[in-house]
Amino acid sequence: MKKQKLVYHYYRYNGKVLQAKREIPYEMKLTSRMLLDELCFTWKKTRLEAAINQAIDNGNKEAFLRLSKEYKHFIWE
């Protein structure tokens, strides 16, 4: 029995160049989004805590009340 051979021909494409897009897996997208959300949350919370502590140190009651209202969104856990 004769062995079969495969022959490939290369034809140059004369049209517009196409760019292939590589899709990122869903798990990687979700993990990165959750990680960034957590980082932003903790960064905002620590900055707000520092601002509240600064208002307490300065004795600024209005700023403390305003900042404590904003801080309530971070402690709903």
N, C-alpha and C. Protein backbone atom coordinates (compact mmCIF):
# COMPACT_ATOMS: atom_id res chain seq x y z
N MET A 1 0.84 -1.17 0.00
CA MET A 1 0.00 0.00 0.00
C MET A 1 0.89 1.24 0.00
N LYS A 2 0.54 2.21 -0.83
CA LYS A 2 1.31 3.45 -0.94
C LYS A 2 1.00 4.38 0.22
N LYS A 3 2.02 5.07 0.72
CA LYS A 3 1.81 6.05 1.78
C LYS A 3 1.21 7.32 1.17
N GLN A 4 0.26 7.88 1.88
CA GLN A 4 -0.35 9.11 1.39
C GLN A 4 0.50 10.29 1.83
N LYS A 5 0.60 11.26 0.96
CA LYS A 5 1.38 12.46 1.26
C LYS A 5 0.45 13.66 1.28
N LEU A 6 0.75 14.59 2.19
CA LEU A 6 0.01 15.85 2.22
C LEU A 6 0.90 16.94 1.66
N VAL A 7 0.34 17.71 0.79
CA VAL A 7 1.08 18.82 0.20
C VAL A 7 0.31 20.10 0.49
N TYR A 8 0.99 21.03 1.10
CA TYR A 8 0.37 22.32 1.42
C TYR A 8 0.90 23.37 0.45
N HIS A 9 -0.01 24.18 -0.04
CA HIS A 9 0.37 25.28 -0.91
C HIS A 9 0.15 26.58 -0.17
N TYR A 10 1.09 27.47 -0.27
CA TYR A 10 1.00 28.77 0.38
C TYR A 10 0.64 29.81 -0.68
N TYR A 11 -0.52 30.44 -0.52
CA TYR A 11 -0.95 31.49 -1.43
C TYR A 11 -0.95 32.81 -0.67
N ARG A 12 -0.31 33.77 -1.21
CA ARG A 12 -0.22 35.09 -0.59
C ARG A 12 -1.58 35.78 -0.66
N TYR A 13 -1.95 36.39 0.43
CA TYR A 13 -3.22 37.10 0.52
C TYR A 13 -3.03 38.53 0.05
N ASN A 14 -3.81 38.98 -0.90
CA ASN A 14 -3.64 40.32 -1.47
C ASN A 14 -4.58 41.35 -0.86
N GLY A 15 -5.41 40.95 0.04
CA GLY A 15 -6.39 41.87 0.61
C GLY A 15 -5.84 42.65 1.79
N LYS A 16 -6.77 43.25 2.53
CA LYS A 16 -6.44 44.04 3.71
C LYS A 16 -5.91 43.11 4.81
N VAL A 17 -4.92 43.56 5.55
CA VAL A 17 -4.32 42.75 6.62
C VAL A 17 -5.31 42.64 7.77
N LEU A 18 -5.51 41.43 8.24
CA LEU A 18 -6.41 41.18 9.36
C LEU A 18 -5.60 40.98 10.63
N GLN A 19 -6.11 41.54 11.74
CA GLN A 19 -5.46 41.37 13.03
C GLN A 19 -6.26 40.37 13.84
N ALA A 20 -5.63 39.33 14.30
CA ALA A 20 -6.30 38.33 15.13
C ALA A 20 -6.37 38.85 16.57
N LYS A 21 -7.51 38.67 17.19
CA LYS A 21 -7.69 39.09 18.57
C LYS A 21 -7.71 37.86 19.46
N ARG A 22 -7.01 37.98 20.55
CA ARG A 22 -6.97 36.88 21.50
C ARG A 22 -7.89 37.21 22.66
N GLU A 23 -8.83 36.36 22.92
CA GLU A 23 -9.81 36.60 23.97
C GLU A 23 -9.24 36.17 25.32
N ILE A 24 -9.45 37.01 26.32
CA ILE A 24 -9.01 36.70 27.67
C ILE A 24 -10.08 35.82 28.32
N PRO A 25 -9.69 34.76 29.00
CA PRO A 25 -10.68 33.88 29.64
C PRO A 25 -11.51 34.62 30.68
N TYR A 26 -12.75 34.18 30.82
CA TYR A 26 -13.69 34.83 31.74
C TYR A 26 -13.17 34.81 33.18
N GLU A 27 -12.56 33.72 33.60
CA GLU A 27 -12.07 33.62 34.97
C GLU A 27 -11.00 34.67 35.26
N MET A 28 -10.16 34.92 34.29
CA MET A 28 -9.11 35.94 34.49
C MET A 28 -9.72 37.33 34.55
N LYS A 29 -10.72 37.59 33.70
CA LYS A 29 -11.39 38.89 33.74
C LYS A 29 -12.07 39.12 35.08
N LEU A 30 -12.77 38.10 35.55
CA LEU A 30 -13.49 38.21 36.81
C LEU A 30 -12.53 38.39 37.98
N THR A 31 -11.49 37.61 38.01
CA THR A 31 -10.51 37.71 39.10
C THR A 31 -9.84 39.07 39.13
N SER A 32 -9.45 39.57 37.98
CA SER A 32 -8.79 40.87 37.94
C SER A 32 -9.74 41.99 38.34
N ARG A 33 -11.00 41.90 37.90
CA ARG A 33 -11.97 42.93 38.28
C ARG A 33 -12.24 42.91 39.78
N MET A 34 -12.36 41.72 40.35
CA MET A 34 -12.60 41.62 41.79
C MET A 34 -11.40 42.11 42.58
N LEU A 35 -10.20 41.83 42.11
CA LEU A 35 -8.99 42.30 42.78
C LEU A 35 -8.89 43.82 42.75
N LEU A 36 -9.17 44.41 41.59
CA LEU A 36 -9.14 45.86 41.48
C LEU A 36 -10.21 46.52 42.34
N ASP A 37 -11.40 45.91 42.40
CA ASP A 37 -12.46 46.44 43.25
C ASP A 37 -12.05 46.42 44.72
N GLU A 38 -11.45 45.33 45.13
CA GLU A 38 -11.01 45.22 46.52
C GLU A 38 -9.92 46.24 46.84
N LEU A 39 -8.98 46.42 45.93
CA LEU A 39 -7.92 47.41 46.14
C LEU A 39 -8.48 48.82 46.24
N CYS A 40 -9.40 49.16 45.35
CA CYS A 40 -10.01 50.50 45.38
C CYS A 40 -10.81 50.70 46.66
N PHE A 41 -11.54 49.68 47.07
CA PHE A 41 -12.34 49.77 48.28
C PHE A 41 -11.46 50.03 49.49
N THR A 42 -10.40 49.26 49.65
CA THR A 42 -9.54 49.44 50.83
C THR A 42 -8.79 50.77 50.78
N TRP A 43 -8.40 51.20 49.59
CA TRP A 43 -7.70 52.48 49.46
C TRP A 43 -8.61 53.63 49.86
N LYS A 44 -9.85 53.62 49.37
CA LYS A 44 -10.80 54.68 49.70
C LYS A 44 -11.14 54.66 51.18
N LYS A 45 -11.28 53.46 51.74
CA LYS A 45 -11.62 53.34 53.16
C LYS A 45 -10.51 53.87 54.05
N THR A 46 -9.27 53.54 53.74
CA THR A 46 -8.16 54.04 54.56
C THR A 46 -7.99 55.55 54.44
N ARG A 47 -8.20 56.09 53.24
CA ARG A 47 -8.12 57.55 53.08
C ARG A 47 -9.22 58.24 53.86
N LEU A 48 -10.42 57.67 53.84
CA LEU A 48 -11.54 58.25 54.58
C LEU A 48 -11.30 58.16 56.09
N GLU A 49 -10.75 57.05 56.55
CA GLU A 49 -10.42 56.91 57.97
C GLU A 49 -9.38 57.95 58.39
N ALA A 50 -8.40 58.18 57.52
CA ALA A 50 -7.38 59.18 57.83
C ALA A 50 -7.99 60.57 57.89
N ALA A 51 -8.93 60.85 56.98
CA ALA A 51 -9.59 62.17 56.99
C ALA A 51 -10.45 62.33 58.23
N ILE A 52 -11.13 61.27 58.67
CA ILE A 52 -11.94 61.33 59.89
C ILE A 52 -11.04 61.56 61.11
N ASN A 53 -9.93 60.85 61.16
CA ASN A 53 -9.00 61.05 62.28
C ASN A 53 -8.43 62.46 62.28
N GLN A 54 -8.17 63.00 61.11
CA GLN A 54 -7.67 64.37 61.02
C GLN A 54 -8.73 65.36 61.50
N ALA A 55 -9.99 65.11 61.14
CA ALA A 55 -11.07 66.00 61.60
C ALA A 55 -11.23 65.93 63.11
N ILE A 56 -11.06 64.74 63.68
CA ILE A 56 -11.14 64.59 65.14
C ILE A 56 -9.98 65.33 65.80
N ASP A 57 -8.78 65.20 65.25
CA ASP A 57 -7.62 65.88 65.82
C ASP A 57 -7.76 67.39 65.76
N ASN A 58 -8.35 67.88 64.67
CA ASN A 58 -8.52 69.33 64.51
C ASN A 58 -9.74 69.86 65.24
N GLY A 59 -10.63 68.97 65.68
CA GLY A 59 -11.85 69.41 66.38
C GLY A 59 -12.89 69.96 65.43
N ASN A 60 -12.86 69.56 64.19
CA ASN A 60 -13.80 70.04 63.18
C ASN A 60 -15.02 69.11 63.16
N LYS A 61 -16.08 69.54 63.85
CA LYS A 61 -17.26 68.70 64.01
C LYS A 61 -18.03 68.54 62.70
N GLU A 62 -18.14 69.59 61.91
CA GLU A 62 -18.88 69.52 60.64
C GLU A 62 -18.22 68.54 59.67
N ALA A 63 -16.91 68.61 59.57
CA ALA A 63 -16.19 67.70 58.68
C ALA A 63 -16.31 66.25 59.18
N PHE A 64 -16.25 66.10 60.51
CA PHE A 64 -16.39 64.76 61.07
C PHE A 64 -17.75 64.15 60.75
N LEU A 65 -18.81 64.93 60.92
CA LEU A 65 -20.16 64.42 60.64
C LEU A 65 -20.34 64.09 59.16
N ARG A 66 -19.81 64.94 58.30
CA ARG A 66 -19.92 64.70 56.85
C ARG A 66 -19.14 63.45 56.45
N LEU A 67 -17.93 63.31 56.97
CA LEU A 67 -17.10 62.16 56.64
C LEU A 67 -17.65 60.86 57.25
N SER A 68 -18.24 60.96 58.43
CA SER A 68 -18.79 59.76 59.05
C SER A 68 -20.01 59.25 58.28
N LYS A 69 -20.77 60.15 57.65
CA LYS A 69 -21.87 59.72 56.78
C LYS A 69 -21.34 58.95 55.58
N GLU A 70 -20.27 59.43 55.00
CA GLU A 70 -19.66 58.74 53.86
C GLU A 70 -19.08 57.40 54.29
N TYR A 71 -18.56 57.34 55.51
CA TYR A 71 -17.92 56.13 56.00
C TYR A 71 -18.93 55.00 56.26
N LYS A 72 -20.19 55.34 56.46
CA LYS A 72 -21.22 54.33 56.71
C LYS A 72 -21.34 53.36 55.54
N HIS A 73 -21.04 53.78 54.34
CA HIS A 73 -21.12 52.90 53.17
C HIS A 73 -20.03 51.83 53.20
N PHE A 74 -18.97 52.08 53.95
CA PHE A 74 -17.85 51.14 53.99
C PHE A 74 -17.96 50.11 55.11
N ILE A 75 -18.88 50.31 56.05
CA ILE A 75 -18.96 49.40 57.19
C ILE A 75 -20.27 48.61 57.21
N TRP A 76 -20.92 48.45 56.09
CA TRP A 76 -22.19 47.72 56.04
C TRP A 76 -21.99 46.23 56.21
N GLU A 77 -20.76 45.75 56.15
CA GLU A 77 -20.49 44.31 56.25
C GLU A 77 -21.02 43.77 57.49
